[in-house]
Amino acid sequence: PKTGWAKIVTELHVTDLEVSLAFWKDIIGFEIAYRREAEKFVYLEHPEGQQIMLCQRHGRFETGPMQPPLGQGAMFQIYFRDVGSILANLGAGNWPIYLGPRQVWRKTGDHESGQQEVFVQDPDGYLLMLAQSIGERTPARPEIQSNVP
């Protein structure tokens, strides 16, 4: 990868590598860092540095039944500088939105962090939260500290 090796990278086992590859490249904006044709494996990297691996299912490393949608119980949060182009690609490709787009503010320590986010499922049903930061702020209503249990 151009940006070096990430400390943790998810490998998604997919039912059709070419269909998944089209989604990750054409809609999300990833590029191929390298590919192993014989293994039906591809290592993807986004120009901003995010990395993910795709491998066509082969039965190895499947610790239980793989039923659609794949990835049940997991959500992959991927942060970008700007999700605008991804939202445009989703619309142009008529890709279904699971939730959003929306702006949310969440408590993070003594302040709130905001983000624009949209949830989509990849061709196999893996749930992705695609987000960008919209800043930090002081909470609108500070929490009241109490010594009463």
N, C-alpha and C. Protein backbone atom coordinates (compact mmCIF):
# COMPACT_ATOMS: atom_id res chain seq x y z
N PRO A 1 0.82 -1.21 0.00
CA PRO A 1 0.00 0.00 0.00
C PRO A 1 0.86 1.27 0.00
N LYS A 2 0.39 2.29 -0.68
CA LYS A 2 1.13 3.54 -0.80
C LYS A 2 1.36 4.21 0.54
N THR A 3 0.39 4.09 1.44
CA THR A 3 0.50 4.77 2.73
C THR A 3 1.11 3.88 3.81
N GLY A 4 1.63 2.72 3.43
CA GLY A 4 2.19 1.78 4.40
C GLY A 4 1.13 0.83 4.90
N TRP A 5 1.55 -0.09 5.73
CA TRP A 5 0.64 -1.11 6.24
C TRP A 5 -0.11 -0.59 7.45
N ALA A 6 -1.42 -0.70 7.43
CA ALA A 6 -2.23 -0.32 8.59
C ALA A 6 -2.00 -1.32 9.72
N LYS A 7 -2.20 -0.89 10.94
CA LYS A 7 -1.98 -1.75 12.10
C LYS A 7 -3.05 -2.82 12.24
N ILE A 8 -4.24 -2.55 11.70
CA ILE A 8 -5.31 -3.55 11.67
C ILE A 8 -6.07 -3.36 10.36
N VAL A 9 -6.32 -4.46 9.68
CA VAL A 9 -7.03 -4.42 8.40
C VAL A 9 -8.04 -5.56 8.39
N THR A 10 -9.26 -5.25 8.04
CA THR A 10 -10.31 -6.26 7.96
C THR A 10 -10.26 -6.96 6.61
N GLU A 11 -10.46 -8.27 6.63
CA GLU A 11 -10.61 -9.03 5.39
C GLU A 11 -12.05 -9.53 5.33
N LEU A 12 -12.78 -9.09 4.31
CA LEU A 12 -14.15 -9.53 4.13
C LEU A 12 -14.19 -10.70 3.16
N HIS A 13 -14.85 -11.76 3.56
CA HIS A 13 -15.05 -12.91 2.66
C HIS A 13 -16.34 -12.66 1.90
N VAL A 14 -16.25 -12.59 0.58
CA VAL A 14 -17.36 -12.17 -0.26
C VAL A 14 -17.78 -13.30 -1.20
N THR A 15 -19.02 -13.24 -1.67
CA THR A 15 -19.51 -14.31 -2.54
C THR A 15 -19.07 -14.13 -3.99
N ASP A 16 -18.89 -12.88 -4.43
CA ASP A 16 -18.44 -12.62 -5.80
C ASP A 16 -17.45 -11.46 -5.76
N LEU A 17 -16.18 -11.79 -5.91
CA LEU A 17 -15.12 -10.78 -5.77
C LEU A 17 -15.31 -9.62 -6.73
N GLU A 18 -15.66 -9.88 -7.98
CA GLU A 18 -15.77 -8.79 -8.96
C GLU A 18 -16.92 -7.84 -8.63
N VAL A 19 -18.03 -8.37 -8.16
CA VAL A 19 -19.17 -7.53 -7.77
C VAL A 19 -18.77 -6.66 -6.57
N SER A 20 -18.13 -7.26 -5.58
CA SER A 20 -17.69 -6.51 -4.40
C SER A 20 -16.64 -5.47 -4.78
N LEU A 21 -15.72 -5.85 -5.63
CA LEU A 21 -14.67 -4.93 -6.06
C LEU A 21 -15.27 -3.70 -6.75
N ALA A 22 -16.27 -3.90 -7.59
CA ALA A 22 -16.92 -2.78 -8.26
C ALA A 22 -17.54 -1.82 -7.23
N PHE A 23 -18.18 -2.35 -6.21
CA PHE A 23 -18.77 -1.52 -5.16
C PHE A 23 -17.70 -0.70 -4.45
N TRP A 24 -16.66 -1.37 -3.97
CA TRP A 24 -15.62 -0.70 -3.20
C TRP A 24 -14.84 0.32 -4.03
N LYS A 25 -14.64 0.05 -5.30
CA LYS A 25 -13.91 0.98 -6.16
C LYS A 25 -14.82 2.10 -6.67
N ASP A 26 -15.91 1.73 -7.33
CA ASP A 26 -16.73 2.71 -8.04
C ASP A 26 -17.59 3.57 -7.12
N ILE A 27 -18.03 3.03 -6.02
CA ILE A 27 -18.91 3.79 -5.13
C ILE A 27 -18.15 4.38 -3.95
N ILE A 28 -17.32 3.57 -3.30
CA ILE A 28 -16.62 4.06 -2.10
C ILE A 28 -15.31 4.77 -2.44
N GLY A 29 -14.69 4.45 -3.57
CA GLY A 29 -13.51 5.18 -4.01
C GLY A 29 -12.17 4.54 -3.70
N PHE A 30 -12.18 3.27 -3.34
CA PHE A 30 -10.92 2.56 -3.07
C PHE A 30 -10.20 2.22 -4.38
N GLU A 31 -8.91 1.96 -4.27
CA GLU A 31 -8.08 1.54 -5.41
C GLU A 31 -7.38 0.24 -5.04
N ILE A 32 -6.99 -0.51 -6.05
CA ILE A 32 -6.30 -1.77 -5.81
C ILE A 32 -4.85 -1.49 -5.45
N ALA A 33 -4.42 -1.93 -4.27
CA ALA A 33 -3.02 -1.85 -3.88
C ALA A 33 -2.27 -3.03 -4.48
N TYR A 34 -2.86 -4.22 -4.36
CA TYR A 34 -2.33 -5.41 -5.05
C TYR A 34 -3.40 -6.48 -5.09
N ARG A 35 -3.17 -7.45 -5.96
CA ARG A 35 -4.16 -8.49 -6.20
C ARG A 35 -3.45 -9.83 -6.38
N ARG A 36 -4.08 -10.90 -5.87
CA ARG A 36 -3.60 -12.25 -6.10
C ARG A 36 -4.72 -13.00 -6.84
N GLU A 37 -4.60 -13.04 -8.15
CA GLU A 37 -5.65 -13.61 -9.00
C GLU A 37 -5.99 -15.05 -8.63
N ALA A 38 -4.97 -15.89 -8.44
CA ALA A 38 -5.20 -17.31 -8.18
C ALA A 38 -5.99 -17.53 -6.90
N GLU A 39 -5.81 -16.65 -5.94
CA GLU A 39 -6.51 -16.77 -4.65
C GLU A 39 -7.82 -16.00 -4.61
N LYS A 40 -8.12 -15.28 -5.69
CA LYS A 40 -9.30 -14.41 -5.73
C LYS A 40 -9.30 -13.49 -4.51
N PHE A 41 -8.20 -12.76 -4.39
CA PHE A 41 -7.94 -11.88 -3.26
C PHE A 41 -7.50 -10.52 -3.78
N VAL A 42 -7.94 -9.46 -3.10
CA VAL A 42 -7.51 -8.12 -3.46
C VAL A 42 -7.34 -7.29 -2.19
N TYR A 43 -6.26 -6.51 -2.16
CA TYR A 43 -5.98 -5.59 -1.06
C TYR A 43 -6.29 -4.20 -1.58
N LEU A 44 -7.22 -3.51 -0.92
CA LEU A 44 -7.65 -2.19 -1.38
C LEU A 44 -7.17 -1.10 -0.44
N GLU A 45 -6.94 0.06 -1.04
CA GLU A 45 -6.52 1.23 -0.26
C GLU A 45 -7.23 2.45 -0.82
N HIS A 46 -7.75 3.27 0.06
CA HIS A 46 -8.39 4.52 -0.35
C HIS A 46 -7.29 5.58 -0.43
N PRO A 47 -7.43 6.58 -1.31
CA PRO A 47 -6.42 7.64 -1.37
C PRO A 47 -6.17 8.34 -0.04
N GLU A 48 -7.13 8.30 0.89
CA GLU A 48 -6.94 8.91 2.21
C GLU A 48 -6.25 7.97 3.19
N GLY A 49 -5.97 6.72 2.78
CA GLY A 49 -5.22 5.80 3.62
C GLY A 49 -5.99 4.62 4.20
N GLN A 50 -7.31 4.62 4.14
CA GLN A 50 -8.08 3.49 4.67
C GLN A 50 -7.77 2.24 3.85
N GLN A 51 -7.76 1.09 4.51
CA GLN A 51 -7.42 -0.17 3.84
C GLN A 51 -8.43 -1.25 4.20
N ILE A 52 -8.68 -2.15 3.24
CA ILE A 52 -9.55 -3.30 3.46
C ILE A 52 -9.15 -4.39 2.48
N MET A 53 -9.37 -5.64 2.87
CA MET A 53 -9.07 -6.77 1.99
C MET A 53 -10.37 -7.48 1.64
N LEU A 54 -10.46 -7.95 0.40
CA LEU A 54 -11.59 -8.74 -0.06
C LEU A 54 -11.07 -10.07 -0.56
N CYS A 55 -11.75 -11.15 -0.20
CA CYS A 55 -11.37 -12.48 -0.66
C CYS A 55 -12.65 -13.26 -0.97
N GLN A 56 -12.68 -13.86 -2.15
CA GLN A 56 -13.86 -14.66 -2.48
C GLN A 56 -13.91 -15.86 -1.55
N ARG A 57 -15.10 -16.15 -1.06
CA ARG A 57 -15.28 -17.25 -0.10
C ARG A 57 -14.74 -18.56 -0.65
N HIS A 58 -14.04 -19.28 0.24
CA HIS A 58 -13.46 -20.56 -0.15
C HIS A 58 -13.64 -21.61 0.93
N GLY A 59 -14.28 -21.25 2.03
CA GLY A 59 -14.55 -22.20 3.09
C GLY A 59 -13.56 -22.18 4.24
N ARG A 60 -12.31 -21.80 3.97
CA ARG A 60 -11.34 -21.70 5.06
C ARG A 60 -11.67 -20.47 5.91
N PHE A 61 -11.33 -20.55 7.15
CA PHE A 61 -11.51 -19.44 8.09
C PHE A 61 -12.97 -19.10 8.36
N GLU A 62 -13.90 -19.95 7.95
CA GLU A 62 -15.31 -19.72 8.26
C GLU A 62 -15.62 -20.51 9.53
N THR A 63 -15.76 -19.81 10.62
CA THR A 63 -15.90 -20.45 11.93
C THR A 63 -17.33 -20.85 12.26
N GLY A 64 -18.24 -20.56 11.37
CA GLY A 64 -19.64 -20.91 11.57
C GLY A 64 -20.40 -20.71 10.28
N PRO A 65 -21.71 -20.93 10.31
CA PRO A 65 -22.51 -20.76 9.09
C PRO A 65 -22.44 -19.33 8.57
N MET A 66 -22.30 -19.19 7.28
CA MET A 66 -22.28 -17.87 6.64
C MET A 66 -23.63 -17.70 5.93
N GLN A 67 -24.52 -16.94 6.57
CA GLN A 67 -25.85 -16.72 6.02
C GLN A 67 -26.03 -15.25 5.70
N PRO A 68 -26.69 -14.94 4.59
CA PRO A 68 -26.92 -13.54 4.25
C PRO A 68 -27.89 -12.89 5.24
N PRO A 69 -27.73 -11.61 5.52
CA PRO A 69 -26.60 -10.79 5.12
C PRO A 69 -25.36 -11.16 5.93
N LEU A 70 -24.22 -11.16 5.25
CA LEU A 70 -22.97 -11.50 5.92
C LEU A 70 -22.58 -10.39 6.91
N GLY A 71 -21.80 -10.76 7.89
CA GLY A 71 -21.31 -9.78 8.85
C GLY A 71 -22.30 -9.40 9.93
N GLN A 72 -23.30 -10.22 10.15
CA GLN A 72 -24.29 -9.90 11.18
C GLN A 72 -23.58 -9.72 12.53
N GLY A 73 -23.93 -8.65 13.21
CA GLY A 73 -23.31 -8.37 14.50
C GLY A 73 -22.09 -7.49 14.41
N ALA A 74 -21.68 -7.13 13.21
CA ALA A 74 -20.51 -6.25 13.03
C ALA A 74 -20.91 -5.05 12.18
N MET A 75 -20.29 -3.92 12.48
CA MET A 75 -20.46 -2.72 11.66
C MET A 75 -19.08 -2.13 11.47
N PHE A 76 -18.76 -1.78 10.24
CA PHE A 76 -17.45 -1.23 9.93
C PHE A 76 -17.58 0.27 9.76
N GLN A 77 -16.90 1.03 10.64
CA GLN A 77 -16.93 2.48 10.58
C GLN A 77 -15.71 2.94 9.79
N ILE A 78 -15.96 3.69 8.73
CA ILE A 78 -14.88 4.17 7.87
C ILE A 78 -15.02 5.68 7.77
N TYR A 79 -13.98 6.39 8.17
CA TYR A 79 -14.01 7.85 8.19
C TYR A 79 -13.28 8.42 6.98
N PHE A 80 -13.88 9.48 6.42
CA PHE A 80 -13.34 10.18 5.26
C PHE A 80 -13.30 11.67 5.55
N ARG A 81 -12.52 12.40 4.79
CA ARG A 81 -12.50 13.87 4.93
C ARG A 81 -13.85 14.45 4.53
N ASP A 82 -14.48 13.85 3.50
CA ASP A 82 -15.75 14.36 2.98
C ASP A 82 -16.52 13.19 2.36
N VAL A 83 -17.72 12.95 2.85
CA VAL A 83 -18.52 11.85 2.31
C VAL A 83 -19.40 12.29 1.14
N GLY A 84 -19.29 13.54 0.73
CA GLY A 84 -20.12 14.06 -0.36
C GLY A 84 -20.02 13.27 -1.65
N SER A 85 -18.80 12.95 -2.07
CA SER A 85 -18.64 12.21 -3.33
C SER A 85 -19.18 10.79 -3.20
N ILE A 86 -19.05 10.20 -2.02
CA ILE A 86 -19.60 8.85 -1.81
C ILE A 86 -21.12 8.90 -1.88
N LEU A 87 -21.73 9.92 -1.25
CA LEU A 87 -23.18 10.06 -1.33
C LEU A 87 -23.63 10.24 -2.77
N ALA A 88 -22.88 11.01 -3.55
CA ALA A 88 -23.21 11.19 -4.97
C ALA A 88 -23.10 9.87 -5.71
N ASN A 89 -22.05 9.10 -5.43
CA ASN A 89 -21.88 7.79 -6.09
C ASN A 89 -22.99 6.82 -5.71
N LEU A 90 -23.40 6.85 -4.44
CA LEU A 90 -24.51 6.00 -4.01
C LEU A 90 -25.78 6.35 -4.78
N GLY A 91 -26.05 7.65 -4.91
CA GLY A 91 -27.23 8.09 -5.65
C GLY A 91 -27.16 7.74 -7.12
N ALA A 92 -26.01 7.99 -7.73
CA ALA A 92 -25.84 7.69 -9.16
C ALA A 92 -25.97 6.20 -9.44
N GLY A 93 -25.51 5.38 -8.50
CA GLY A 93 -25.60 3.94 -8.68
C GLY A 93 -26.90 3.36 -8.16
N ASN A 94 -27.81 4.24 -7.69
CA ASN A 94 -29.09 3.80 -7.14
C ASN A 94 -28.89 2.76 -6.04
N TRP A 95 -27.83 2.97 -5.23
CA TRP A 95 -27.50 2.02 -4.17
C TRP A 95 -28.39 2.28 -2.96
N PRO A 96 -29.00 1.25 -2.38
CA PRO A 96 -29.89 1.48 -1.23
C PRO A 96 -29.15 1.97 0.01
N ILE A 97 -29.76 2.92 0.67
CA ILE A 97 -29.24 3.47 1.92
C ILE A 97 -29.92 2.72 3.07
N TYR A 98 -29.15 2.24 4.01
CA TYR A 98 -29.70 1.56 5.18
C TYR A 98 -30.23 2.59 6.19
N LEU A 99 -29.44 3.67 6.41
CA LEU A 99 -29.83 4.72 7.35
C LEU A 99 -29.07 6.00 7.00
N GLY A 100 -29.78 7.12 7.07
CA GLY A 100 -29.14 8.41 6.82
C GLY A 100 -29.36 8.87 5.40
N PRO A 101 -28.54 9.83 4.98
CA PRO A 101 -27.47 10.49 5.73
C PRO A 101 -28.04 11.36 6.85
N ARG A 102 -27.22 11.51 7.88
CA ARG A 102 -27.65 12.28 9.03
C ARG A 102 -26.44 12.88 9.73
N GLN A 103 -26.73 13.94 10.52
CA GLN A 103 -25.70 14.52 11.38
C GLN A 103 -26.00 14.10 12.81
N VAL A 104 -24.98 13.65 13.52
CA VAL A 104 -25.16 13.24 14.91
C VAL A 104 -24.05 13.83 15.76
N TRP A 105 -24.38 14.07 17.02
CA TRP A 105 -23.42 14.53 18.02
C TRP A 105 -23.42 13.51 19.14
N ARG A 106 -22.24 13.04 19.52
CA ARG A 106 -22.11 12.04 20.57
C ARG A 106 -21.14 12.54 21.64
N LYS A 107 -21.47 12.22 22.90
CA LYS A 107 -20.60 12.60 24.01
C LYS A 107 -19.29 11.82 23.89
N THR A 108 -18.18 12.56 23.94
CA THR A 108 -16.84 11.96 23.90
C THR A 108 -16.01 12.66 24.98
N GLY A 109 -16.09 12.13 26.18
CA GLY A 109 -15.39 12.78 27.29
C GLY A 109 -16.17 13.99 27.76
N ASP A 110 -15.49 15.15 27.88
CA ASP A 110 -16.16 16.36 28.37
C ASP A 110 -16.70 17.23 27.25
N HIS A 111 -16.75 16.72 26.04
CA HIS A 111 -17.30 17.47 24.92
C HIS A 111 -18.11 16.53 24.02
N GLU A 112 -18.64 17.07 22.95
CA GLU A 112 -19.36 16.27 21.97
C GLU A 112 -18.63 16.33 20.64
N SER A 113 -18.63 15.22 19.94
CA SER A 113 -18.03 15.15 18.61
C SER A 113 -19.15 14.90 17.61
N GLY A 114 -19.13 15.67 16.54
CA GLY A 114 -20.19 15.54 15.53
C GLY A 114 -19.67 14.91 14.26
N GLN A 115 -20.59 14.24 13.58
CA GLN A 115 -20.22 13.68 12.29
C GLN A 115 -21.43 13.58 11.38
N GLN A 116 -21.15 13.65 10.09
CA GLN A 116 -22.12 13.36 9.03
C GLN A 116 -21.91 11.89 8.72
N GLU A 117 -22.98 11.10 8.72
CA GLU A 117 -22.81 9.66 8.50
C GLU A 117 -23.95 9.10 7.66
N VAL A 118 -23.61 8.03 6.96
CA VAL A 118 -24.60 7.28 6.19
C VAL A 118 -24.26 5.81 6.34
N PHE A 119 -25.28 4.99 6.47
CA PHE A 119 -25.09 3.55 6.61
C PHE A 119 -25.55 2.86 5.34
N VAL A 120 -24.71 1.98 4.82
CA VAL A 120 -25.05 1.18 3.64
C VAL A 120 -24.56 -0.24 3.87
N GLN A 121 -25.09 -1.15 3.08
CA GLN A 121 -24.60 -2.52 3.10
C GLN A 121 -23.90 -2.78 1.78
N ASP A 122 -22.77 -3.49 1.85
CA ASP A 122 -22.05 -3.84 0.62
C ASP A 122 -22.84 -4.96 -0.08
N PRO A 123 -22.38 -5.44 -1.23
CA PRO A 123 -23.15 -6.45 -1.96
C PRO A 123 -23.46 -7.72 -1.18
N ASP A 124 -22.66 -8.04 -0.16
CA ASP A 124 -22.92 -9.24 0.64
C ASP A 124 -23.69 -8.94 1.92
N GLY A 125 -23.97 -7.68 2.16
CA GLY A 125 -24.73 -7.31 3.35
C GLY A 125 -23.90 -6.81 4.51
N TYR A 126 -22.57 -6.75 4.37
CA TYR A 126 -21.75 -6.18 5.44
C TYR A 126 -22.18 -4.73 5.66
N LEU A 127 -22.43 -4.35 6.92
CA LEU A 127 -22.91 -3.01 7.23
C LEU A 127 -21.74 -2.05 7.40
N LEU A 128 -21.80 -0.94 6.68
CA LEU A 128 -20.75 0.07 6.71
C LEU A 128 -21.34 1.39 7.19
N MET A 129 -20.64 2.05 8.09
CA MET A 129 -20.96 3.43 8.43
C MET A 129 -19.87 4.28 7.80
N LEU A 130 -20.25 5.10 6.85
CA LEU A 130 -19.32 5.99 6.15
C LEU A 130 -19.53 7.38 6.73
N ALA A 131 -18.47 7.98 7.28
CA ALA A 131 -18.66 9.20 8.05
C ALA A 131 -17.54 10.20 7.84
N GLN A 132 -17.87 11.45 8.18
CA GLN A 132 -16.87 12.52 8.22
C GLN A 132 -17.12 13.34 9.47
N SER A 133 -16.05 13.86 10.05
CA SER A 133 -16.16 14.70 11.24
C SER A 133 -16.73 16.06 10.85
N ILE A 134 -17.60 16.60 11.73
CA ILE A 134 -18.09 17.96 11.53
C ILE A 134 -17.69 18.85 12.72
N GLY A 135 -16.79 18.33 13.56
CA GLY A 135 -16.23 19.15 14.63
C GLY A 135 -16.58 18.68 16.03
N GLU A 136 -16.21 19.54 16.98
CA GLU A 136 -16.47 19.28 18.39
C GLU A 136 -17.18 20.49 18.98
N ARG A 137 -17.88 20.24 20.08
CA ARG A 137 -18.58 21.33 20.77
C ARG A 137 -18.73 20.99 22.24
N THR A 138 -19.02 22.04 23.01
CA THR A 138 -19.35 21.86 24.42
C THR A 138 -20.77 21.32 24.49
N PRO A 139 -21.03 20.36 25.36
CA PRO A 139 -22.39 19.84 25.46
C PRO A 139 -23.41 20.94 25.73
N ALA A 140 -24.56 20.83 25.12
CA ALA A 140 -25.61 21.83 25.29
C ALA A 140 -26.07 21.90 26.75
N ARG A 141 -26.12 20.76 27.41
CA ARG A 141 -26.53 20.70 28.81
C ARG A 141 -25.52 19.88 29.57
N PRO A 142 -24.67 20.49 30.38
CA PRO A 142 -23.68 19.70 31.11
C PRO A 142 -24.35 18.72 32.07
N GLU A 143 -23.70 17.59 32.25
CA GLU A 143 -24.22 16.59 33.19
C GLU A 143 -24.12 17.12 34.61
N ILE A 144 -25.10 16.80 35.43
CA ILE A 144 -25.10 17.23 36.83
C ILE A 144 -24.39 16.16 37.65
N GLN A 145 -23.38 16.58 38.40
CA GLN A 145 -22.66 15.66 39.27
C GLN A 145 -23.41 15.56 40.59
N SER A 146 -23.55 14.35 41.08
CA SER A 146 -24.26 14.14 42.33
C SER A 146 -23.54 13.11 43.17
N ASN A 147 -23.54 13.32 44.49
CA ASN A 147 -22.95 12.34 45.40
C ASN A 147 -23.99 11.32 45.86
N VAL A 148 -25.22 11.48 45.44
CA VAL A 148 -26.29 10.57 45.84
C VAL A 148 -26.22 9.33 44.96
N PRO A 149 -26.15 8.12 45.58
CA PRO A 149 -26.06 6.89 44.76
C PRO A 149 -27.34 6.60 44.00
